Amino acid sequence: MTFRAFLAATSLLLVTACGGGDATNTAAAPSSVPSTPPPAGKTWVDTVVKTPEGGFRMGNPDAPLKIVEYGSRLCPACKALNDEGLEPLKTDYIATGKVSYEFREYPVHGSLDLASILLGQCTGDTATFFPILDQMFKNQETLLQNAQAVGAKLQATPNATPNQVAMAFGEGLGLIDFMKQRGLPEAKARACLNDPAGIQKIVDGQNFANEKFQISGTPTLILNGVKLENVGDWTGLKNALIQRGA
């Protein structure tokens, strides 16, 4: 998919694809998955690496239960999953070494998501990835206040490049200032927004996700390589983990 095809195929504004289902399966749990202690002097929650698929994984790399979330930083349903589930997921499951959690960016809103993805990964530091992701979710409503106004301006410039679109949202949503407040120099933020390779990685990641998992909305949750159907909230994800012995 080309840059222009990406922009044409996706929306500038929030769409109904952002949302998750409720899980109703409450089957009895199998034998419990054993805990695995972290290496001396470390914790699994602080063990974060970038994966070959472009996501960021927290936890035991050999955890028996591996969660992958395809999510958008500007998706309200992803925010709800994060706000309700992140802390118990870390405390009760990741810290034990039973579960790892990987977040992969999915631009469900198309152009609107570009700046948040590029800036969210701009520090290049695995230690800051999840804290910044969490803070973007917690500030999501504020960051989205000007989304329609920025989108309307961009509709008047249909020949804008993807990087110009990303810059417009980075400035208009206050994302550059948001990252400056968290230690990212403005010059580096603007360099990330202007990087064509960053846009190409987003497009490649979306293509991979669609081909492998047929993503129809966010959050989409994958557990041990299998997409969890109709599971998009913490209750549903917790039930899926319990059913598998976590």
Protein backbone atom coordinates (compact mmCIF):
# COMPACT_ATOMS: atom_id res chain seq x y z
CA MET A 1 0.00 0.00 0.00
CA THR A 2 1.40 3.41 -0.95
CA PHE A 3 1.34 6.54 1.21
CA ARG A 4 -1.45 8.03 -0.90
CA ALA A 5 -3.49 4.82 -0.87
CA PHE A 6 -3.15 4.73 2.91
CA LEU A 7 -4.57 8.25 3.19
CA ALA A 8 -7.37 7.51 0.74
CA ALA A 9 -8.37 4.28 2.46
CA THR A 10 -8.67 5.67 5.96
CA SER A 11 -10.56 8.46 7.68
CA LEU A 12 -9.34 11.76 9.10
CA LEU A 13 -11.85 11.54 11.95
CA LEU A 14 -12.86 9.05 14.62
CA VAL A 15 -14.68 6.03 13.23
CA THR A 16 -16.80 3.23 14.62
CA ALA A 17 -14.02 0.70 14.01
CA CYS A 18 -12.59 1.80 17.35
CA GLY A 19 -14.36 -0.46 19.81
CA GLY A 20 -14.23 -3.89 21.35
CA GLY A 21 -16.65 -6.66 22.11
CA ASP A 22 -17.62 -8.24 25.39
CA ALA A 23 -16.53 -11.76 26.25
CA THR A 24 -19.13 -14.16 27.62
CA ASN A 25 -17.15 -17.40 27.71
CA THR A 26 -16.57 -18.45 31.32
CA ALA A 27 -15.29 -21.98 30.88
CA ALA A 28 -13.51 -23.58 33.83
CA ALA A 29 -9.78 -22.95 34.08
CA PRO A 30 -7.27 -25.72 33.30
CA SER A 31 -4.26 -26.50 35.44
CA SER A 32 -2.48 -23.39 36.62
CA VAL A 33 0.42 -22.01 34.58
CA PRO A 34 3.52 -21.89 36.83
CA SER A 35 5.15 -18.62 37.77
CA THR A 36 8.64 -17.82 36.53
CA PRO A 37 10.93 -15.58 38.59
CA PRO A 38 12.76 -12.80 36.73
CA PRO A 39 16.55 -12.62 36.54
CA ALA A 40 18.24 -11.41 39.71
CA GLY A 41 17.87 -7.68 40.25
CA LYS A 42 15.16 -7.30 37.60
CA THR A 43 11.38 -7.40 37.33
CA TRP A 44 9.34 -8.71 34.43
CA VAL A 45 7.28 -5.50 34.34
CA ASP A 46 10.45 -3.50 33.65
CA THR A 47 11.61 -5.93 30.97
CA VAL A 48 10.59 -4.20 27.72
CA VAL A 49 11.91 -4.90 24.22
CA LYS A 50 10.98 -3.91 20.69
CA THR A 51 9.82 -6.92 18.68
CA PRO A 52 10.61 -7.79 15.05
CA GLU A 53 6.96 -7.00 14.23
CA GLY A 54 7.44 -3.41 15.38
CA GLY A 55 5.59 -3.72 18.67
CA PHE A 56 6.86 -3.29 22.22
CA ARG A 57 6.65 -6.25 24.59
CA MET A 58 6.60 -6.12 28.38
CA GLY A 59 7.40 -9.19 30.44
CA ASN A 60 8.96 -12.61 30.28
CA PRO A 61 9.96 -13.31 26.65
CA ASP A 62 9.26 -17.00 27.28
CA ALA A 63 5.92 -16.47 29.04
CA PRO A 64 3.50 -19.34 28.37
CA LEU A 65 0.75 -16.81 27.65
CA LYS A 66 1.56 -14.08 25.14
CA ILE A 67 -0.86 -11.19 24.60
CA VAL A 68 -0.63 -8.92 21.59
CA GLU A 69 -2.88 -5.89 21.40
CA TYR A 70 -3.42 -4.06 18.14
CA GLY A 71 -4.48 -0.66 19.37
CA SER A 72 -4.71 3.04 18.67
CA ARG A 73 -3.58 5.69 21.13
CA LEU A 74 -6.62 7.79 20.16
CA CYS A 75 -9.20 4.99 20.42
CA PRO A 76 -11.62 5.38 23.38
CA ALA A 77 -12.10 1.61 23.70
CA CYS A 78 -8.31 1.13 23.83
CA LYS A 79 -8.15 3.83 26.50
CA ALA A 80 -10.81 1.98 28.53
CA LEU A 81 -8.88 -1.28 28.27
CA ASN A 82 -5.67 0.48 29.34
CA ASP A 83 -7.23 2.43 32.19
CA GLU A 84 -9.03 -0.55 33.67
CA GLY A 85 -6.66 -3.35 32.83
CA LEU A 86 -3.05 -2.20 32.69
CA GLU A 87 -2.30 -2.18 36.40
CA PRO A 88 -3.93 -5.55 37.26
CA LEU A 89 -2.40 -7.06 34.12
CA LYS A 90 1.06 -5.96 35.28
CA THR A 91 0.60 -6.84 38.96
CA ASP A 92 -1.31 -10.12 38.72
CA TYR A 93 -0.03 -11.62 35.48
CA ILE A 94 3.07 -10.01 33.92
CA ALA A 95 4.97 -9.74 37.22
CA THR A 96 4.58 -13.50 37.74
CA GLY A 97 6.27 -14.33 34.45
CA LYS A 98 3.13 -16.14 33.27
CA VAL A 99 2.07 -13.49 30.77
CA SER A 100 3.78 -11.09 28.38
CA TYR A 101 2.02 -8.11 26.81
CA GLU A 102 2.90 -6.55 23.47
CA PHE A 103 1.36 -3.38 22.06
CA ARG A 104 1.38 -2.95 18.29
CA GLU A 105 0.26 0.32 16.75
CA TYR A 106 -2.76 0.12 14.46
CA PRO A 107 -3.93 3.34 12.74
CA VAL A 108 -7.63 2.59 12.92
CA HIS A 109 -8.45 6.28 12.31
CA GLY A 110 -6.04 6.59 9.42
CA SER A 111 -4.35 9.97 9.15
CA LEU A 112 -5.51 11.05 12.60
CA ASP A 113 -3.32 8.38 14.21
CA LEU A 114 -0.08 9.18 12.40
CA ALA A 115 1.30 11.85 14.75
CA SER A 116 0.51 9.96 17.95
CA ILE A 117 2.27 6.85 16.65
CA LEU A 118 5.34 8.66 15.35
CA LEU A 119 5.74 10.75 18.50
CA GLY A 120 4.88 7.90 20.87
CA GLN A 121 7.92 6.00 19.61
CA CYS A 122 10.13 9.03 18.98
CA THR A 123 12.31 8.78 22.10
CA GLY A 124 13.71 5.46 20.91
CA ASP A 125 13.85 4.34 24.54
CA THR A 126 12.09 1.09 25.42
CA ALA A 127 11.84 2.22 29.06
CA THR A 128 9.61 5.17 28.14
CA PHE A 129 7.33 3.43 25.64
CA PHE A 130 4.66 2.13 28.01
CA PRO A 131 4.66 5.17 30.35
CA ILE A 132 4.12 7.51 27.39
CA LEU A 133 1.47 5.21 25.93
CA ASP A 134 -0.35 5.21 29.27
CA GLN A 135 -0.13 9.00 29.55
CA MET A 136 -1.47 9.46 26.02
CA PHE A 137 -4.45 7.30 26.91
CA LYS A 138 -5.07 9.23 30.11
CA ASN A 139 -4.93 12.55 28.21
CA GLN A 140 -6.83 11.28 25.18
CA GLU A 141 -9.91 13.48 25.53
CA THR A 142 -7.80 16.63 25.75
CA LEU A 143 -5.61 15.60 22.82
CA LEU A 144 -8.68 14.99 20.64
CA GLN A 145 -10.40 18.32 21.29
CA ASN A 146 -9.15 19.89 18.05
CA ALA A 147 -9.25 16.76 15.87
CA GLN A 148 -12.18 17.81 13.72
CA ALA A 149 -10.83 21.33 13.23
CA VAL A 150 -7.45 20.00 12.07
CA GLY A 151 -9.17 17.47 9.83
CA ALA A 152 -11.28 20.20 8.24
CA LYS A 153 -8.18 22.27 7.45
CA LEU A 154 -6.48 19.27 5.90
CA GLN A 155 -9.45 18.62 3.63
CA ALA A 156 -8.64 21.96 2.03
CA THR A 157 -5.12 20.70 1.22
CA PRO A 158 -5.77 17.34 -0.47
CA ASN A 159 -2.22 17.13 -1.84
CA ALA A 160 -0.58 17.19 1.57
CA THR A 161 2.00 14.44 2.04
CA PRO A 162 1.55 11.93 4.87
CA ASN A 163 4.35 13.65 6.79
CA GLN A 164 2.66 17.03 6.36
CA VAL A 165 -0.56 15.48 7.64
CA ALA A 166 1.31 14.04 10.63
CA MET A 167 2.85 17.44 11.35
CA ALA A 168 -0.55 19.14 11.18
CA PHE A 169 -2.00 16.75 13.75
CA GLY A 170 1.15 16.88 15.86
CA GLU A 171 0.82 20.64 16.10
CA GLY A 172 -2.97 20.91 16.11
CA LEU A 173 -3.62 18.26 18.77
CA GLY A 174 -0.85 19.56 21.01
CA LEU A 175 1.12 16.34 20.69
CA ILE A 176 4.44 18.10 20.14
CA ASP A 177 3.96 20.08 23.35
CA PHE A 178 2.78 16.91 25.12
CA MET A 179 6.05 15.18 24.25
CA LYS A 180 8.17 18.24 25.06
CA GLN A 181 6.71 18.16 28.57
CA ARG A 182 8.01 14.59 28.82
CA GLY A 183 11.56 15.41 27.85
CA LEU A 184 11.52 15.05 24.07
CA PRO A 185 13.23 18.00 22.37
CA GLU A 186 10.98 19.81 19.88
CA ALA A 187 13.56 19.44 17.11
CA LYS A 188 13.56 15.66 17.55
CA ALA A 189 9.75 15.56 17.67
CA ARG A 190 9.54 17.45 14.38
CA ALA A 191 12.21 15.21 12.84
CA CYS A 192 10.13 12.13 13.72
CA LEU A 193 7.01 13.69 12.21
CA ASN A 194 8.96 14.53 9.03
CA ASP A 195 10.50 11.07 8.60
CA PRO A 196 9.03 9.19 5.57
CA ALA A 197 10.49 5.93 6.89
CA GLY A 198 8.33 6.28 10.01
CA ILE A 199 5.19 6.54 7.87
CA GLN A 200 6.25 3.51 5.83
CA LYS A 201 6.66 1.45 9.01
CA ILE A 202 3.09 2.34 10.00
CA VAL A 203 1.77 1.29 6.59
CA ASP A 204 3.81 -1.94 6.63
CA GLY A 205 2.59 -2.77 10.14
CA GLN A 206 -1.02 -2.20 9.15
CA ASN A 207 -0.65 -4.37 6.07
CA PHE A 208 0.92 -7.18 8.13
CA ALA A 209 -1.86 -7.00 10.74
CA ASN A 210 -4.61 -7.06 8.13
CA GLU A 211 -3.10 -9.98 6.25
CA LYS A 212 -2.38 -12.10 9.32
CA PHE A 213 -5.30 -11.27 11.61
CA GLN A 214 -7.92 -9.48 9.48
CA ILE A 215 -8.17 -6.55 11.87
CA SER A 216 -11.61 -4.89 11.81
CA GLY A 217 -11.31 -2.58 14.82
CA THR A 218 -9.35 -1.73 17.92
CA PRO A 219 -8.49 -3.06 20.36
CA THR A 220 -7.92 -6.42 18.71
CA LEU A 221 -6.38 -8.91 21.14
CA ILE A 222 -4.25 -11.89 20.13
CA LEU A 223 -3.42 -14.62 22.65
CA ASN A 224 -0.72 -17.12 21.72
CA GLY A 225 -1.16 -16.27 18.06
CA VAL A 226 -4.95 -16.64 18.00
CA LYS A 227 -7.31 -13.68 17.73
CA LEU A 228 -9.75 -13.46 20.63
CA GLU A 229 -13.15 -12.97 19.04
CA ASN A 230 -15.53 -10.53 20.75
CA VAL A 231 -12.97 -9.66 23.43
CA GLY A 232 -12.12 -6.00 23.74
CA ASP A 233 -12.25 -5.10 27.41
CA TRP A 234 -10.41 -6.05 30.58
CA THR A 235 -13.10 -8.42 31.84
CA GLY A 236 -12.98 -10.39 28.61
CA LEU A 237 -9.19 -10.50 28.51
CA LYS A 238 -8.96 -11.50 32.18
CA ASN A 239 -11.46 -14.32 31.58
CA ALA A 240 -9.39 -15.54 28.62
CA LEU A 241 -6.25 -15.63 30.79
CA ILE A 242 -8.03 -17.44 33.62
CA GLN A 243 -9.40 -19.99 31.19
CA ARG A 244 -5.84 -20.75 30.15
CA GLY A 245 -4.55 -21.18 33.68
CA ALA A 246 -3.01 -17.77 34.43
